[in-house]
Amino acid sequence: AILFLPSTFILITQIILRPYFDEETHDLIHDWAYFTFYFCFFLFGMLCYSNSKLWESIGRNRTYLLISTIAMLVPFYVLYFHLRELIELPWSIAAKFWSVSILTLVSCILFYLVMIRPFNAIRFLFGMRKKK
């Protein structure tokens, strides 16, 4: 329910609003679909963070949540790309997914190794112990 309810709510809002506000302008008055999309992520994130019992439950079930999140992202992005009619390259969806996923993983690891791990001040900002 932690993943299903927010994602279903976001999906329903986009199915309802996207036909009326199909252009991404980030205008509060003329772009309710995108405003609602991003506001939902903010709202559900704040709700999860503000409830300590829910936050502890997320921590205990993080393995299951990771697997569920990956399983839910596939139909989410298929619908997202379908509604936006996006084309980057003439690759298949699987090739695009894996290339973006691998590039994201590599860039996050490199950022950690180069920018976070060596410096105690930045380690503190990310909640890590000082390097001895």
N, C-alpha and C. Protein backbone atom coordinates (compact mmCIF):
# COMPACT_ATOMS: atom_id res chain seq x y z
N ALA A 1 0.83 -1.20 0.00
CA ALA A 1 0.00 0.00 0.00
C ALA A 1 0.86 1.25 0.00
N ILE A 2 2.08 1.16 0.57
CA ILE A 2 2.97 2.32 0.61
C ILE A 2 3.30 2.81 -0.79
N LEU A 3 3.45 1.90 -1.72
CA LEU A 3 3.76 2.28 -3.10
C LEU A 3 2.52 2.33 -3.98
N PHE A 4 1.58 1.44 -3.73
CA PHE A 4 0.44 1.31 -4.62
C PHE A 4 -0.49 2.53 -4.57
N LEU A 5 -0.81 3.00 -3.38
CA LEU A 5 -1.75 4.12 -3.26
C LEU A 5 -1.22 5.42 -3.87
N PRO A 6 0.02 5.84 -3.54
CA PRO A 6 0.50 7.07 -4.17
C PRO A 6 0.65 6.96 -5.69
N SER A 7 1.17 5.83 -6.16
CA SER A 7 1.36 5.69 -7.60
C SER A 7 0.03 5.63 -8.34
N THR A 8 -0.96 4.98 -7.75
CA THR A 8 -2.29 4.95 -8.37
C THR A 8 -2.90 6.33 -8.40
N PHE A 9 -2.76 7.08 -7.33
CA PHE A 9 -3.29 8.44 -7.29
C PHE A 9 -2.62 9.32 -8.35
N ILE A 10 -1.29 9.23 -8.46
CA ILE A 10 -0.58 10.01 -9.47
C ILE A 10 -1.01 9.61 -10.87
N LEU A 11 -1.15 8.32 -11.11
CA LEU A 11 -1.57 7.83 -12.42
C LEU A 11 -2.96 8.34 -12.78
N ILE A 12 -3.88 8.30 -11.83
CA ILE A 12 -5.25 8.77 -12.09
C ILE A 12 -5.26 10.27 -12.39
N THR A 13 -4.50 11.05 -11.62
CA THR A 13 -4.47 12.49 -11.89
C THR A 13 -3.92 12.78 -13.28
N GLN A 14 -2.93 12.02 -13.70
CA GLN A 14 -2.35 12.27 -15.02
C GLN A 14 -3.28 11.82 -16.15
N ILE A 15 -4.00 10.74 -15.95
CA ILE A 15 -4.96 10.29 -16.96
C ILE A 15 -6.07 11.32 -17.12
N ILE A 16 -6.48 11.93 -16.02
CA ILE A 16 -7.55 12.93 -16.08
C ILE A 16 -7.05 14.27 -16.63
N LEU A 17 -5.90 14.74 -16.17
CA LEU A 17 -5.46 16.10 -16.50
C LEU A 17 -4.63 16.20 -17.78
N ARG A 18 -3.90 15.16 -18.14
CA ARG A 18 -2.98 15.27 -19.28
C ARG A 18 -3.67 15.59 -20.61
N PRO A 19 -4.88 15.08 -20.90
CA PRO A 19 -5.51 15.48 -22.16
C PRO A 19 -5.85 16.97 -22.24
N TYR A 20 -6.07 17.60 -21.12
CA TYR A 20 -6.43 19.02 -21.11
C TYR A 20 -5.21 19.94 -21.02
N PHE A 21 -4.14 19.46 -20.42
CA PHE A 21 -2.92 20.25 -20.25
C PHE A 21 -1.74 19.42 -20.75
N ASP A 22 -1.61 19.29 -22.05
CA ASP A 22 -0.60 18.39 -22.61
C ASP A 22 0.76 19.05 -22.80
N GLU A 23 0.83 20.38 -22.80
CA GLU A 23 2.10 21.05 -23.01
C GLU A 23 2.75 21.40 -21.67
N GLU A 24 4.02 21.07 -21.54
CA GLU A 24 4.74 21.34 -20.30
C GLU A 24 5.25 22.77 -20.30
N THR A 25 4.59 23.64 -19.52
CA THR A 25 4.98 25.04 -19.44
C THR A 25 5.43 25.44 -18.05
N HIS A 26 5.15 24.62 -17.04
CA HIS A 26 5.43 24.90 -15.63
C HIS A 26 4.74 26.18 -15.17
N ASP A 27 3.64 26.47 -15.80
CA ASP A 27 2.81 27.61 -15.43
C ASP A 27 1.72 27.12 -14.48
N LEU A 28 1.57 27.77 -13.36
CA LEU A 28 0.62 27.33 -12.35
C LEU A 28 -0.81 27.32 -12.86
N ILE A 29 -1.16 28.24 -13.72
CA ILE A 29 -2.54 28.36 -14.20
C ILE A 29 -2.80 27.50 -15.43
N HIS A 30 -1.85 27.45 -16.35
CA HIS A 30 -2.06 26.76 -17.62
C HIS A 30 -1.39 25.39 -17.71
N ASP A 31 -0.90 24.87 -16.60
CA ASP A 31 -0.19 23.60 -16.63
C ASP A 31 -0.50 22.77 -15.39
N TRP A 32 -1.76 22.48 -15.16
CA TRP A 32 -2.18 21.75 -13.97
C TRP A 32 -1.72 20.30 -13.98
N ALA A 33 -1.54 19.70 -15.13
CA ALA A 33 -1.11 18.30 -15.18
C ALA A 33 0.29 18.14 -14.59
N TYR A 34 1.23 18.96 -15.02
CA TYR A 34 2.59 18.84 -14.53
C TYR A 34 2.72 19.36 -13.10
N PHE A 35 1.99 20.41 -12.77
CA PHE A 35 2.00 20.91 -11.40
C PHE A 35 1.50 19.84 -10.44
N THR A 36 0.41 19.17 -10.79
CA THR A 36 -0.13 18.11 -9.96
C THR A 36 0.83 16.93 -9.87
N PHE A 37 1.46 16.60 -10.99
CA PHE A 37 2.41 15.49 -11.03
C PHE A 37 3.54 15.70 -10.02
N TYR A 38 4.19 16.85 -10.09
CA TYR A 38 5.31 17.11 -9.19
C TYR A 38 4.85 17.37 -7.76
N PHE A 39 3.70 17.99 -7.58
CA PHE A 39 3.19 18.24 -6.24
C PHE A 39 2.85 16.94 -5.52
N CYS A 40 2.38 15.95 -6.26
CA CYS A 40 2.06 14.65 -5.64
C CYS A 40 3.32 14.00 -5.07
N PHE A 41 4.43 14.07 -5.79
CA PHE A 41 5.68 13.52 -5.26
C PHE A 41 6.09 14.25 -3.99
N PHE A 42 5.96 15.56 -4.00
CA PHE A 42 6.29 16.34 -2.81
C PHE A 42 5.37 15.97 -1.65
N LEU A 43 4.09 15.92 -1.91
CA LEU A 43 3.10 15.64 -0.86
C LEU A 43 3.30 14.26 -0.24
N PHE A 44 3.42 13.24 -1.07
CA PHE A 44 3.60 11.89 -0.55
C PHE A 44 4.95 11.73 0.15
N GLY A 45 5.97 12.41 -0.33
CA GLY A 45 7.25 12.38 0.35
C GLY A 45 7.17 13.01 1.73
N MET A 46 6.48 14.12 1.84
CA MET A 46 6.32 14.77 3.14
C MET A 46 5.48 13.92 4.08
N LEU A 47 4.44 13.28 3.56
CA LEU A 47 3.62 12.42 4.40
C LEU A 47 4.42 11.23 4.94
N CYS A 48 5.24 10.63 4.10
CA CYS A 48 6.07 9.51 4.55
C CYS A 48 7.10 9.96 5.57
N TYR A 49 7.70 11.10 5.33
CA TYR A 49 8.76 11.57 6.23
C TYR A 49 8.21 12.04 7.57
N SER A 50 7.01 12.60 7.59
CA SER A 50 6.48 13.18 8.82
C SER A 50 5.89 12.13 9.77
N ASN A 51 5.58 10.94 9.30
CA ASN A 51 5.01 9.90 10.14
C ASN A 51 6.11 8.92 10.54
N SER A 52 6.51 8.94 11.82
CA SER A 52 7.64 8.11 12.25
C SER A 52 7.35 6.61 12.13
N LYS A 53 6.13 6.19 12.39
CA LYS A 53 5.80 4.76 12.26
C LYS A 53 5.88 4.31 10.80
N LEU A 54 5.41 5.15 9.91
CA LEU A 54 5.49 4.83 8.48
C LEU A 54 6.95 4.80 8.04
N TRP A 55 7.73 5.74 8.53
CA TRP A 55 9.16 5.80 8.18
C TRP A 55 9.89 4.55 8.66
N GLU A 56 9.57 4.08 9.88
CA GLU A 56 10.17 2.86 10.40
C GLU A 56 9.73 1.63 9.60
N SER A 57 8.48 1.62 9.18
CA SER A 57 7.98 0.52 8.35
C SER A 57 8.69 0.48 7.00
N ILE A 58 8.92 1.64 6.44
CA ILE A 58 9.65 1.71 5.17
C ILE A 58 11.06 1.15 5.35
N GLY A 59 11.69 1.50 6.47
CA GLY A 59 13.05 0.99 6.75
C GLY A 59 13.08 -0.52 6.92
N ARG A 60 12.08 -1.08 7.60
CA ARG A 60 12.04 -2.53 7.82
C ARG A 60 11.77 -3.29 6.52
N ASN A 61 10.99 -2.72 5.64
CA ASN A 61 10.58 -3.41 4.42
C ASN A 61 11.28 -2.88 3.18
N ARG A 62 12.47 -2.33 3.33
CA ARG A 62 13.12 -1.69 2.20
C ARG A 62 13.44 -2.64 1.05
N THR A 63 13.74 -3.90 1.34
CA THR A 63 14.03 -4.85 0.26
C THR A 63 12.79 -5.10 -0.59
N TYR A 64 11.67 -5.33 0.06
CA TYR A 64 10.43 -5.55 -0.66
C TYR A 64 9.99 -4.30 -1.42
N LEU A 65 10.21 -3.15 -0.80
CA LEU A 65 9.85 -1.89 -1.46
C LEU A 65 10.71 -1.64 -2.69
N LEU A 66 11.97 -2.00 -2.63
CA LEU A 66 12.84 -1.84 -3.79
C LEU A 66 12.36 -2.71 -4.95
N ILE A 67 12.06 -3.95 -4.67
CA ILE A 67 11.58 -4.86 -5.72
C ILE A 67 10.25 -4.35 -6.28
N SER A 68 9.36 -3.93 -5.42
CA SER A 68 8.06 -3.40 -5.86
C SER A 68 8.22 -2.13 -6.68
N THR A 69 9.13 -1.27 -6.25
CA THR A 69 9.36 -0.02 -6.97
C THR A 69 9.85 -0.29 -8.38
N ILE A 70 10.78 -1.19 -8.51
CA ILE A 70 11.29 -1.52 -9.84
C ILE A 70 10.18 -2.11 -10.71
N ALA A 71 9.35 -2.98 -10.12
CA ALA A 71 8.25 -3.57 -10.88
C ALA A 71 7.21 -2.54 -11.28
N MET A 72 7.03 -1.50 -10.47
CA MET A 72 6.02 -0.48 -10.78
C MET A 72 6.55 0.59 -11.71
N LEU A 73 7.86 0.79 -11.76
CA LEU A 73 8.41 1.83 -12.62
C LEU A 73 8.25 1.50 -14.10
N VAL A 74 8.28 0.23 -14.44
CA VAL A 74 8.18 -0.14 -15.85
C VAL A 74 6.85 0.31 -16.45
N PRO A 75 5.68 -0.07 -15.90
CA PRO A 75 4.44 0.43 -16.50
C PRO A 75 4.27 1.94 -16.34
N PHE A 76 4.80 2.50 -15.26
CA PHE A 76 4.70 3.94 -15.06
C PHE A 76 5.39 4.70 -16.18
N TYR A 77 6.64 4.32 -16.50
CA TYR A 77 7.36 5.03 -17.54
C TYR A 77 6.86 4.69 -18.94
N VAL A 78 6.33 3.51 -19.13
CA VAL A 78 5.72 3.19 -20.43
C VAL A 78 4.56 4.14 -20.68
N LEU A 79 3.71 4.31 -19.68
CA LEU A 79 2.59 5.24 -19.82
C LEU A 79 3.08 6.68 -19.93
N TYR A 80 4.08 7.02 -19.16
CA TYR A 80 4.63 8.38 -19.19
C TYR A 80 5.17 8.73 -20.57
N PHE A 81 5.97 7.84 -21.15
CA PHE A 81 6.51 8.10 -22.48
C PHE A 81 5.42 8.06 -23.54
N HIS A 82 4.43 7.21 -23.35
CA HIS A 82 3.34 7.13 -24.31
C HIS A 82 2.54 8.43 -24.34
N LEU A 83 2.23 8.97 -23.17
CA LEU A 83 1.45 10.20 -23.11
C LEU A 83 2.23 11.41 -23.60
N ARG A 84 3.53 11.40 -23.40
CA ARG A 84 4.34 12.54 -23.84
C ARG A 84 4.83 12.38 -25.27
N GLU A 85 4.69 11.19 -25.83
CA GLU A 85 5.12 10.88 -27.19
C GLU A 85 6.59 11.26 -27.40
N LEU A 86 7.45 10.83 -26.45
CA LEU A 86 8.87 11.13 -26.51
C LEU A 86 9.62 10.11 -27.33
N ILE A 87 10.58 10.59 -28.12
CA ILE A 87 11.51 9.74 -28.87
C ILE A 87 12.90 10.38 -28.62
N GLU A 88 13.91 9.70 -27.94
CA GLU A 88 15.30 10.10 -27.86
C GLU A 88 16.06 9.52 -29.02
N LEU A 89 16.21 8.46 -29.03
CA LEU A 89 16.93 7.67 -30.04
C LEU A 89 16.02 6.55 -30.55
N PRO A 90 16.31 5.95 -31.74
CA PRO A 90 15.47 4.85 -32.25
C PRO A 90 15.79 3.51 -31.58
N TRP A 91 15.93 3.51 -30.27
CA TRP A 91 16.20 2.29 -29.51
C TRP A 91 14.89 1.72 -28.99
N SER A 92 14.95 0.48 -28.59
CA SER A 92 13.78 -0.11 -27.95
C SER A 92 13.65 0.45 -26.53
N ILE A 93 12.47 0.26 -25.95
CA ILE A 93 12.26 0.73 -24.58
C ILE A 93 13.24 0.06 -23.62
N ALA A 94 13.49 -1.21 -23.80
CA ALA A 94 14.41 -1.92 -22.92
C ALA A 94 15.82 -1.35 -23.03
N ALA A 95 16.27 -1.06 -24.24
CA ALA A 95 17.61 -0.50 -24.41
C ALA A 95 17.71 0.88 -23.78
N LYS A 96 16.68 1.69 -23.93
CA LYS A 96 16.67 3.01 -23.30
C LYS A 96 16.67 2.89 -21.79
N PHE A 97 15.84 1.99 -21.26
CA PHE A 97 15.75 1.80 -19.82
C PHE A 97 17.09 1.40 -19.23
N TRP A 98 17.71 0.39 -19.82
CA TRP A 98 18.98 -0.10 -19.27
C TRP A 98 20.10 0.89 -19.46
N SER A 99 20.12 1.62 -20.56
CA SER A 99 21.18 2.61 -20.74
C SER A 99 21.05 3.74 -19.72
N VAL A 100 19.84 4.21 -19.49
CA VAL A 100 19.64 5.27 -18.49
C VAL A 100 19.93 4.74 -17.09
N SER A 101 19.49 3.53 -16.79
CA SER A 101 19.73 2.96 -15.46
C SER A 101 21.21 2.76 -15.19
N ILE A 102 21.93 2.21 -16.13
CA ILE A 102 23.36 1.96 -15.94
C ILE A 102 24.13 3.27 -15.86
N LEU A 103 23.78 4.24 -16.71
CA LEU A 103 24.46 5.53 -16.65
C LEU A 103 24.18 6.25 -15.33
N THR A 104 22.98 6.13 -14.82
CA THR A 104 22.65 6.73 -13.53
C THR A 104 23.44 6.07 -12.41
N LEU A 105 23.50 4.75 -12.41
CA LEU A 105 24.26 4.03 -11.39
C LEU A 105 25.73 4.42 -11.43
N VAL A 106 26.31 4.43 -12.61
CA VAL A 106 27.73 4.77 -12.75
C VAL A 106 27.99 6.20 -12.31
N SER A 107 27.13 7.13 -12.70
CA SER A 107 27.35 8.52 -12.32
C SER A 107 27.19 8.72 -10.81
N CYS A 108 26.24 8.03 -10.18
CA CYS A 108 26.08 8.14 -8.72
C CYS A 108 27.29 7.57 -7.99
N ILE A 109 27.80 6.44 -8.44
CA ILE A 109 28.97 5.84 -7.80
C ILE A 109 30.19 6.75 -7.98
N LEU A 110 30.37 7.28 -9.18
CA LEU A 110 31.50 8.18 -9.42
C LEU A 110 31.39 9.45 -8.58
N PHE A 111 30.18 9.99 -8.47
CA PHE A 111 29.97 11.18 -7.66
C PHE A 111 30.32 10.90 -6.20
N TYR A 112 29.90 9.75 -5.71
CA TYR A 112 30.22 9.37 -4.33
C TYR A 112 31.73 9.23 -4.14
N LEU A 113 32.38 8.50 -5.05
CA LEU A 113 33.82 8.24 -4.89
C LEU A 113 34.67 9.49 -5.03
N VAL A 114 34.25 10.41 -5.90
CA VAL A 114 35.07 11.59 -6.17
C VAL A 114 34.70 12.77 -5.28
N MET A 115 33.43 12.98 -5.02
CA MET A 115 33.00 14.20 -4.33
C MET A 115 32.63 14.01 -2.86
N ILE A 116 32.17 12.85 -2.46
CA ILE A 116 31.67 12.68 -1.10
C ILE A 116 32.65 11.93 -0.21
N ARG A 117 33.09 10.79 -0.64
CA ARG A 117 33.91 9.91 0.19
C ARG A 117 35.21 10.54 0.70
N PRO A 118 35.95 11.30 -0.11
CA PRO A 118 37.25 11.80 0.37
C PRO A 118 37.18 12.96 1.37
N PHE A 119 36.07 13.69 1.45
CA PHE A 119 36.04 14.93 2.21
C PHE A 119 35.14 14.81 3.44
N ASN A 120 35.71 15.05 4.61
CA ASN A 120 34.95 14.92 5.86
C ASN A 120 33.79 15.90 5.94
N ALA A 121 33.95 17.12 5.44
CA ALA A 121 32.87 18.10 5.51
C ALA A 121 31.66 17.64 4.70
N ILE A 122 31.90 17.12 3.54
CA ILE A 122 30.79 16.65 2.70
C ILE A 122 30.23 15.34 3.24
N ARG A 123 31.09 14.50 3.81
CA ARG A 123 30.60 13.26 4.44
C ARG A 123 29.63 13.60 5.56
N PHE A 124 29.92 14.64 6.33
CA PHE A 124 29.03 15.07 7.41
C PHE A 124 27.68 15.51 6.84
N LEU A 125 27.68 16.23 5.73
CA LEU A 125 26.44 16.69 5.11
C LEU A 125 25.55 15.54 4.64
N PHE A 126 26.18 14.41 4.30
CA PHE A 126 25.44 13.24 3.85
C PHE A 126 25.20 12.24 4.97
N GLY A 127 25.48 12.64 6.21
CA GLY A 127 25.18 11.79 7.36
C GLY A 127 26.14 10.64 7.56
N MET A 128 27.37 10.81 7.09
CA MET A 128 28.37 9.74 7.21
C MET A 128 29.36 10.07 8.32
N ARG A 129 30.03 9.05 8.84
CA ARG A 129 31.05 9.25 9.86
C ARG A 129 32.28 9.89 9.25
N LYS A 130 33.07 10.54 10.11
CA LYS A 130 34.33 11.13 9.64
C LYS A 130 35.28 10.05 9.19
N LYS A 131 36.06 10.38 8.20
CA LYS A 131 37.07 9.46 7.70
C LYS A 131 38.30 9.59 8.60
N LYS A 132 38.84 8.45 9.07
CA LYS A 132 39.98 8.49 10.00
C LYS A 132 41.29 8.61 9.28
